Amino acid sequence: MYPPELVKPMREDLTNVGFEELHTAEAVDKAIEKEGTTLVVVNSVCGCAAANARPGARMSLQNTKRPDNLVTVFAGVDREATDKARSYMVPFPPSSPSMALFKDGELVHMLERHHIEGRPAELIAENLMDAYNEHC
């Protein structure tokens, strides 16, 4: 577990733009089961989360079409919630950071760490916006 004071600004990168933090498996179930589209960001302390994933997720929200629900779990902190979120992302292996778009509870788009690491935030945002345009 990471100290709360370390992850606080990393959490706020997403919560300040409207993401809801999920801390329990039950909260994840409720979020995924909601009607409409839900973007789940598996947040992380790694450098690619700071440089690419979180900025890309924030930028993607400038799109005309957006997910109905924005939620996040924090790998290495919210273990129960992260494990539950990842269970919905099968067949993709666990990775963090990662992002998944669900529509009516079904996984319709996935960005794994290898899609994020080393890629500019703008490219990640564009990838997500394309998914929003198709599914939202």
Protein backbone atom coordinates (compact mmCIF):
# COMPACT_ATOMS: atom_id res chain seq x y z
CA MET A 1 0.00 0.00 0.00
CA TYR A 2 1.16 3.48 -0.81
CA PRO A 3 0.86 6.26 1.78
CA PRO A 4 -2.34 8.30 1.35
CA GLU A 5 -0.41 11.57 1.12
CA LEU A 6 1.57 10.17 -1.83
CA VAL A 7 -1.44 9.12 -3.88
CA LYS A 8 -3.72 12.04 -2.98
CA PRO A 9 -2.58 14.30 -5.86
CA MET A 10 -2.67 11.35 -8.25
CA ARG A 11 -6.26 10.61 -7.26
CA GLU A 12 -7.17 14.28 -7.60
CA ASP A 13 -5.85 14.32 -11.19
CA LEU A 14 -9.01 12.38 -12.03
CA THR A 15 -11.50 13.29 -9.31
CA ASN A 16 -11.05 17.00 -10.05
CA VAL A 17 -12.48 16.41 -13.54
CA GLY A 18 -15.43 14.29 -12.44
CA PHE A 19 -14.17 10.74 -11.89
CA GLU A 20 -15.67 8.90 -8.93
CA GLU A 21 -13.27 6.85 -6.84
CA LEU A 22 -14.33 3.29 -6.16
CA HIS A 23 -12.92 1.59 -3.06
CA THR A 24 -14.91 -1.66 -2.81
CA ALA A 25 -15.89 -4.56 -5.04
CA GLU A 26 -19.56 -3.69 -4.51
CA ALA A 27 -19.00 -0.14 -5.73
CA VAL A 28 -17.32 -1.50 -8.87
CA ASP A 29 -20.22 -3.89 -9.52
CA LYS A 30 -22.72 -1.04 -9.22
CA ALA A 31 -20.69 1.21 -11.53
CA ILE A 32 -20.23 -1.42 -14.25
CA GLU A 33 -23.88 -2.49 -14.10
CA LYS A 34 -25.18 1.03 -14.72
CA GLU A 35 -27.05 1.58 -17.93
CA GLY A 36 -25.10 3.51 -20.52
CA THR A 37 -21.36 3.89 -20.87
CA THR A 38 -18.78 3.80 -18.10
CA LEU A 39 -15.10 4.59 -18.39
CA VAL A 40 -12.97 2.81 -15.77
CA VAL A 41 -9.43 4.08 -15.24
CA VAL A 42 -7.08 1.84 -13.28
CA ASN A 43 -4.84 4.53 -11.82
CA SER A 44 -1.25 3.94 -10.77
CA VAL A 45 1.78 5.65 -9.23
CA CYS A 46 3.98 4.83 -12.24
CA GLY A 47 5.41 7.48 -14.49
CA CYS A 48 3.32 6.53 -17.50
CA ALA A 49 0.17 7.11 -15.46
CA ALA A 50 1.35 10.63 -14.64
CA ALA A 51 2.71 11.52 -18.06
CA ASN A 52 0.31 9.70 -20.33
CA ALA A 53 -2.72 7.96 -18.80
CA ARG A 54 -4.23 10.57 -16.51
CA PRO A 55 -3.61 13.50 -18.88
CA GLY A 56 -4.98 11.43 -21.77
CA ALA A 57 -8.10 10.53 -19.81
CA ARG A 58 -8.63 14.20 -18.88
CA MET A 59 -8.10 15.41 -22.47
CA SER A 60 -10.52 12.81 -23.82
CA LEU A 61 -13.33 14.45 -21.90
CA GLN A 62 -13.15 17.47 -24.24
CA ASN A 63 -14.94 15.34 -26.83
CA THR A 64 -18.55 16.03 -27.82
CA LYS A 65 -19.54 12.48 -26.92
CA ARG A 66 -18.46 11.29 -23.48
CA PRO A 67 -19.12 8.32 -21.23
CA ASP A 68 -22.14 8.61 -18.96
CA ASN A 69 -20.09 7.53 -15.95
CA LEU A 70 -16.44 8.13 -15.05
CA VAL A 71 -14.90 5.94 -12.36
CA THR A 72 -11.43 5.06 -11.14
CA VAL A 73 -9.72 2.51 -8.95
CA PHE A 74 -6.15 2.81 -7.71
CA ALA A 75 -3.81 -0.15 -8.22
CA GLY A 76 -1.69 -0.82 -5.16
CA VAL A 77 -4.12 1.07 -2.93
CA ASP A 78 -7.71 -0.04 -3.52
CA ARG A 79 -6.89 -3.72 -3.94
CA GLU A 80 -10.43 -5.11 -3.62
CA ALA A 81 -11.88 -2.58 -6.05
CA THR A 82 -8.98 -2.97 -8.49
CA ASP A 83 -9.23 -6.75 -8.49
CA LYS A 84 -12.97 -6.53 -9.12
CA ALA A 85 -12.57 -4.00 -11.93
CA ARG A 86 -9.93 -6.19 -13.57
CA SER A 87 -12.27 -9.18 -13.38
CA TYR A 88 -14.59 -7.31 -15.77
CA MET A 89 -11.66 -6.71 -18.15
CA VAL A 90 -10.96 -10.39 -18.87
CA PRO A 91 -9.56 -11.66 -21.28
CA PHE A 92 -7.09 -8.79 -20.95
CA PRO A 93 -4.38 -9.43 -18.35
CA PRO A 94 -4.13 -7.11 -15.35
CA SER A 95 -2.14 -3.98 -16.08
CA SER A 96 -1.85 -0.55 -14.63
CA PRO A 97 -2.46 1.96 -15.71
CA SER A 98 -5.25 0.82 -17.97
CA MET A 99 -8.61 2.09 -19.19
CA ALA A 100 -11.76 0.24 -20.12
CA LEU A 101 -14.98 1.47 -21.65
CA PHE A 102 -18.13 -0.47 -20.83
CA LYS A 103 -21.53 -0.13 -22.46
CA ASP A 104 -24.47 -1.52 -20.51
CA GLY A 105 -22.03 -3.67 -18.54
CA GLU A 106 -20.20 -5.07 -21.57
CA LEU A 107 -16.53 -4.31 -22.25
CA VAL A 108 -16.36 -2.52 -25.59
CA HIS A 109 -12.90 -0.89 -25.59
CA MET A 110 -9.66 -1.51 -23.72
CA LEU A 111 -6.37 0.33 -23.37
CA GLU A 112 -3.70 -1.73 -21.66
CA ARG A 113 -0.45 -0.42 -20.21
CA HIS A 114 1.41 -1.29 -23.43
CA HIS A 115 -1.02 1.01 -25.30
CA ILE A 116 -0.25 3.82 -22.83
CA GLU A 117 3.43 3.56 -21.95
CA GLY A 118 5.62 5.64 -24.24
CA ARG A 119 2.70 7.20 -26.11
CA PRO A 120 1.78 10.85 -25.81
CA ALA A 121 -1.31 11.82 -23.84
CA GLU A 122 -2.81 13.31 -26.99
CA LEU A 123 -2.70 9.93 -28.75
CA ILE A 124 -4.35 8.24 -25.76
CA ALA A 125 -7.04 10.92 -25.70
CA GLU A 126 -7.64 10.45 -29.43
CA ASN A 127 -7.96 6.69 -28.97
CA LEU A 128 -10.53 7.18 -26.21
CA MET A 129 -12.44 9.82 -28.17
CA ASP A 130 -12.73 7.42 -31.11
CA ALA A 131 -14.21 4.84 -28.70
CA TYR A 132 -16.60 7.45 -27.26
CA ASN A 133 -17.73 8.42 -30.77
CA GLU A 134 -18.47 4.79 -31.56
CA HIS A 135 -20.09 3.69 -28.30
CA CYS A 136 -21.43 6.75 -26.43
